[in-house]
């Protein structure tokens, strides 16, 4: 888990520098310490698409896949701010 977290933190730091990134973070689930949760906010869908298309993002996914026992799952939710 330590190696996965280190790789993830490096990915998060790089992602924060990308155009359209509002926030990007990784958290370890306190109820299942073998699970990581990524919270990301992007300016728009184009920024998300550009993020996933980057070789660095693809390399991150490939690296993490070698460390996990099950394939990662990805869920993208669109949310609106409530004033």
C-alpha atoms as a PDB file:
ATOM      1  CA  UNK A   1       0.000   0.000   0.000  1.00  0.00           C
ATOM      2  CA  UNK A   2       2.848   2.373   0.766  1.00  0.00           C
ATOM      3  CA  UNK A   3       4.159   2.129  -2.796  1.00  0.00           C
ATOM      4  CA  UNK A   4       0.690   2.690  -4.262  1.00  0.00           C
ATOM      5  CA  UNK A   5       0.235   5.774  -2.079  1.00  0.00           C
ATOM      6  CA  UNK A   6       3.634   7.167  -3.081  1.00  0.00           C
ATOM      7  CA  UNK A   7       2.869   6.704  -6.782  1.00  0.00           C
ATOM      8  CA  UNK A   8      -0.573   8.226  -6.253  1.00  0.00           C
ATOM      9  CA  UNK A   9       0.768  11.278  -4.427  1.00  0.00           C
ATOM     10  CA  UNK A  10       3.243  11.895  -7.234  1.00  0.00           C
ATOM     11  CA  UNK A  11       0.415  11.629  -9.763  1.00  0.00           C
ATOM     12  CA  UNK A  12      -1.744  14.021  -7.737  1.00  0.00           C
ATOM     13  CA  UNK A  13       1.047  16.601  -7.527  1.00  0.00           C
ATOM     14  CA  UNK A  14       1.563  16.446 -11.299  1.00  0.00           C
ATOM     15  CA  UNK A  15      -2.171  16.560 -12.032  1.00  0.00           C
ATOM     16  CA  UNK A  16      -2.577  19.740  -9.995  1.00  0.00           C
ATOM     17  CA  UNK A  17      -0.336  21.540 -12.503  1.00  0.00           C
ATOM     18  CA  UNK A  18      -2.479  20.598 -15.499  1.00  0.00           C
ATOM     19  CA  UNK A  19      -4.712  23.150 -17.223  1.00  0.00           C
ATOM     20  CA  UNK A  20      -8.278  22.927 -15.964  1.00  0.00           C
ATOM     21  CA  UNK A  21      -7.448  21.167 -12.698  1.00  0.00           C
ATOM     22  CA  UNK A  22      -9.302  22.818  -9.823  1.00  0.00           C
ATOM     23  CA  UNK A  23      -8.352  20.222  -7.217  1.00  0.00           C
ATOM     24  CA  UNK A  24      -6.891  16.732  -7.103  1.00  0.00           C
ATOM     25  CA  UNK A  25      -6.307  14.598  -4.013  1.00  0.00           C
ATOM     26  CA  UNK A  26      -5.888  11.005  -2.875  1.00  0.00           C
ATOM     27  CA  UNK A  27      -7.132   9.577   0.420  1.00  0.00           C
ATOM     28  CA  UNK A  28      -6.759   6.240   2.153  1.00  0.00           C
ATOM     29  CA  UNK A  29     -10.091   4.758   3.242  1.00  0.00           C
ATOM     30  CA  UNK A  30     -10.066   4.556   7.078  1.00  0.00           C
ATOM     31  CA  UNK A  31     -12.420   1.555   7.003  1.00  0.00           C
ATOM     32  CA  UNK A  32     -10.472  -0.337   4.343  1.00  0.00           C
ATOM     33  CA  UNK A  33      -6.833   0.744   4.428  1.00  0.00           C
ATOM     34  CA  UNK A  34      -6.163  -1.136   1.177  1.00  0.00           C
ATOM     35  CA  UNK A  35      -8.497   1.208  -0.715  1.00  0.00           C
ATOM     36  CA  UNK A  36      -7.517   4.579  -2.136  1.00  0.00           C
ATOM     37  CA  UNK A  37     -10.025   7.240  -3.069  1.00  0.00           C
ATOM     38  CA  UNK A  38      -9.278  10.037  -5.541  1.00  0.00           C
ATOM     39  CA  UNK A  39     -11.223  13.272  -5.362  1.00  0.00           C
ATOM     40  CA  UNK A  40     -10.834  15.506  -8.387  1.00  0.00           C
ATOM     41  CA  UNK A  41     -12.440  18.675  -9.662  1.00  0.00           C
ATOM     42  CA  UNK A  42     -11.929  19.761 -13.249  1.00  0.00           C
ATOM     43  CA  UNK A  43     -12.998  22.882 -15.097  1.00  0.00           C
ATOM     44  CA  UNK A  44     -14.866  20.911 -17.760  1.00  0.00           C
ATOM     45  CA  UNK A  45     -15.051  17.604 -19.594  1.00  0.00           C
ATOM     46  CA  UNK A  46     -12.353  18.701 -22.037  1.00  0.00           C
ATOM     47  CA  UNK A  47      -9.898  19.103 -19.143  1.00  0.00           C
ATOM     48  CA  UNK A  48     -10.753  15.616 -17.846  1.00  0.00           C
ATOM     49  CA  UNK A  49     -10.326  14.123 -21.309  1.00  0.00           C
ATOM     50  CA  UNK A  50      -6.967  15.866 -21.716  1.00  0.00           C
ATOM     51  CA  UNK A  51      -5.876  14.595 -18.279  1.00  0.00           C
ATOM     52  CA  UNK A  52      -6.676  10.970 -19.110  1.00  0.00           C
ATOM     53  CA  UNK A  53      -5.009  11.262 -22.518  1.00  0.00           C
ATOM     54  CA  UNK A  54      -1.645  12.327 -21.067  1.00  0.00           C
ATOM     55  CA  UNK A  55       1.117   9.718 -21.153  1.00  0.00           C
ATOM     56  CA  UNK A  56       1.811  10.467 -17.476  1.00  0.00           C
ATOM     57  CA  UNK A  57      -1.778   9.580 -16.521  1.00  0.00           C
ATOM     58  CA  UNK A  58      -1.655   6.401 -18.569  1.00  0.00           C
ATOM     59  CA  UNK A  59       1.677   5.457 -16.968  1.00  0.00           C
ATOM     60  CA  UNK A  60       0.174   6.058 -13.519  1.00  0.00           C
ATOM     61  CA  UNK A  61      -2.722   3.691 -14.227  1.00  0.00           C
ATOM     62  CA  UNK A  62      -0.342   1.055 -15.597  1.00  0.00           C
ATOM     63  CA  UNK A  63       1.902   1.328 -12.524  1.00  0.00           C
ATOM     64  CA  UNK A  64      -1.004   1.055 -10.092  1.00  0.00           C
ATOM     65  CA  UNK A  65      -2.433  -1.968 -11.913  1.00  0.00           C
ATOM     66  CA  UNK A  66       0.755  -3.883 -11.066  1.00  0.00           C
ATOM     67  CA  UNK A  67       0.178  -3.245  -7.348  1.00  0.00           C
ATOM     68  CA  UNK A  68      -3.506  -4.059  -6.910  1.00  0.00           C
ATOM     69  CA  UNK A  69      -5.368  -7.320  -6.516  1.00  0.00           C
ATOM     70  CA  UNK A  70      -8.430  -6.158  -8.476  1.00  0.00           C
ATOM     71  CA  UNK A  71      -8.833  -3.718 -11.355  1.00  0.00           C
ATOM     72  CA  UNK A  72      -9.465  -0.131 -10.268  1.00  0.00           C
ATOM     73  CA  UNK A  73     -12.968   1.212 -10.744  1.00  0.00           C
ATOM     74  CA  UNK A  74     -13.683   4.685 -12.029  1.00  0.00           C
ATOM     75  CA  UNK A  75     -16.848   6.655 -11.403  1.00  0.00           C
ATOM     76  CA  UNK A  76     -17.247  10.191 -12.710  1.00  0.00           C
ATOM     77  CA  UNK A  77     -20.007  12.312 -11.205  1.00  0.00           C
ATOM     78  CA  UNK A  78     -21.118  15.738 -12.329  1.00  0.00           C
ATOM     79  CA  UNK A  79     -22.162  17.961  -9.464  1.00  0.00           C
ATOM     80  CA  UNK A  80     -23.601  21.413  -9.170  1.00  0.00           C
ATOM     81  CA  UNK A  81     -22.707  23.846  -6.444  1.00  0.00           C
ATOM     82  CA  UNK A  82     -25.609  24.726  -4.171  1.00  0.00           C
ATOM     83  CA  UNK A  83     -25.623  28.303  -2.959  1.00  0.00           C
END
